[in-house]
Protein backbone atom coordinates (compact mmCIF):
# COMPACT_ATOMS: atom_id res chain seq x y z
CA ALA A 1 108.52 211.00 26.45
CA ARG A 2 106.91 211.56 29.81
CA VAL A 3 103.80 209.51 28.68
CA LEU A 4 106.25 206.81 27.72
CA GLU A 5 107.79 207.02 31.36
CA LYS A 6 104.49 207.00 33.09
CA THR A 7 103.58 203.93 31.43
CA GLY A 8 106.63 202.13 32.37
CA ASP A 9 108.26 202.28 28.85
CA LEU A 10 111.64 203.73 29.91
CA PRO A 11 113.54 202.54 26.75
CA GLY A 12 110.97 204.23 24.54
CA ALA A 13 111.12 207.53 26.73
CA ILE A 14 114.80 207.34 26.64
CA ASP A 15 114.76 206.95 22.75
CA SER A 16 112.16 209.79 22.25
CA CYS A 17 114.42 212.25 24.41
CA GLN A 18 117.67 211.23 22.58
CA LYS A 19 115.90 211.92 19.32
CA ALA A 20 114.89 215.28 20.44
CA VAL A 21 118.47 216.15 21.78
CA ASN A 22 119.86 215.06 18.23
CA ILE A 23 117.43 217.59 16.60
CA LEU A 24 117.95 220.58 18.95
CA VAL A 25 120.82 222.91 18.47
CA ILE A 26 123.17 223.51 21.39
CA ASP A 27 121.99 226.94 22.14
CA ASP A 28 118.33 225.76 22.67
CA PRO A 29 117.63 225.98 26.54
CA THR A 30 115.29 222.99 26.10
CA ILE A 31 118.55 220.78 25.73
CA ILE A 32 119.43 221.30 29.20
CA ARG A 33 116.00 219.90 30.73
CA LEU A 34 116.40 217.16 28.28
CA HIS A 35 119.60 215.86 29.31
CA LEU A 36 118.37 216.14 33.01
CA PHE A 37 115.41 214.11 32.03
CA LEU A 38 117.49 211.52 30.51
CA GLY A 39 119.76 211.46 33.54
CA ASN A 40 116.67 210.83 35.57
CA LEU A 41 115.26 208.01 33.10
CA PHE A 42 118.81 206.37 33.17
CA LYS A 43 118.86 206.56 36.84
CA LYS A 44 115.46 204.93 37.09
CA GLN A 45 117.03 202.03 35.07
CA GLY A 46 119.88 201.66 37.54
CA ASN A 47 122.18 202.88 34.62
CA PHE A 48 124.09 205.36 36.69
CA ALA A 49 127.06 205.91 34.24
CA ASP A 50 124.84 207.16 31.49
CA SER A 51 122.85 209.11 34.13
CA GLN A 52 125.81 210.87 35.31
CA GLN A 53 126.86 211.42 31.77
CA ASN A 54 123.72 213.26 31.04
CA TYR A 55 123.70 215.33 34.03
CA GLU A 56 127.26 216.62 33.15
CA LYS A 57 126.25 217.26 29.64
CA ALA A 58 123.59 219.58 31.07
CA ARG A 59 125.82 221.25 33.42
CA THR A 60 128.38 221.86 30.81
CA ILE A 61 125.79 223.25 28.22
CA LEU A 62 124.55 225.41 30.96
CA GLN A 63 127.87 226.80 32.08
CA ASN A 64 128.96 227.26 28.43
CA HIS A 65 125.98 228.64 26.87
CA PHE A 66 123.48 229.98 29.59
CA PRO A 67 125.61 231.32 32.43
CA SER A 68 122.75 233.35 33.78
CA ALA A 69 120.48 230.29 34.19
CA GLU A 70 121.86 229.55 37.68
CA PRO A 71 118.55 228.04 39.18
CA ILE A 72 118.92 225.12 36.85
CA LEU A 73 122.43 224.50 37.89
CA ALA A 74 121.20 223.51 41.33
CA ASP A 75 118.87 221.09 40.03
CA ILE A 76 121.81 219.62 38.04
CA TYR A 77 123.93 219.43 41.04
CA HIS A 78 121.00 217.84 43.25
CA SER A 79 120.72 215.34 40.41
CA ILE A 80 124.46 214.49 40.22
CA ALA A 81 124.58 214.02 44.06
CA GLY A 82 121.49 211.78 44.19
CA THR A 83 123.14 209.53 41.50
CA PHE A 84 126.28 209.34 43.62
CA TYR A 85 124.38 208.57 46.71
CA GLN A 86 122.27 205.75 44.95
CA MET A 87 125.74 204.38 43.66
CA GLN A 88 127.01 204.77 47.38
CA ASP A 89 129.99 206.73 46.11
CA LEU A 90 129.80 209.29 48.91
CA ASN A 91 133.38 210.31 48.22
CA ASN A 92 132.31 212.44 44.95
């Protein structure tokens, strides 16, 4: 997916990540990073709703299944804030 992103194929990168998410089980920590990456890809496309949805999925999975992984939570909140900023929705 990262190679596809680097070559500018964002739809291909998104498709690749979504396939990986569908294969992984919920308690695999890789799924959190995949949702973060998907959020970033959607944000690059200007698709802030899907970006936000993936960040929220990452946060929910992290808090429900990996409560000791706090450093990743900071990354998630940073990504959420960046999306709101780009949307100019500064009230959130």
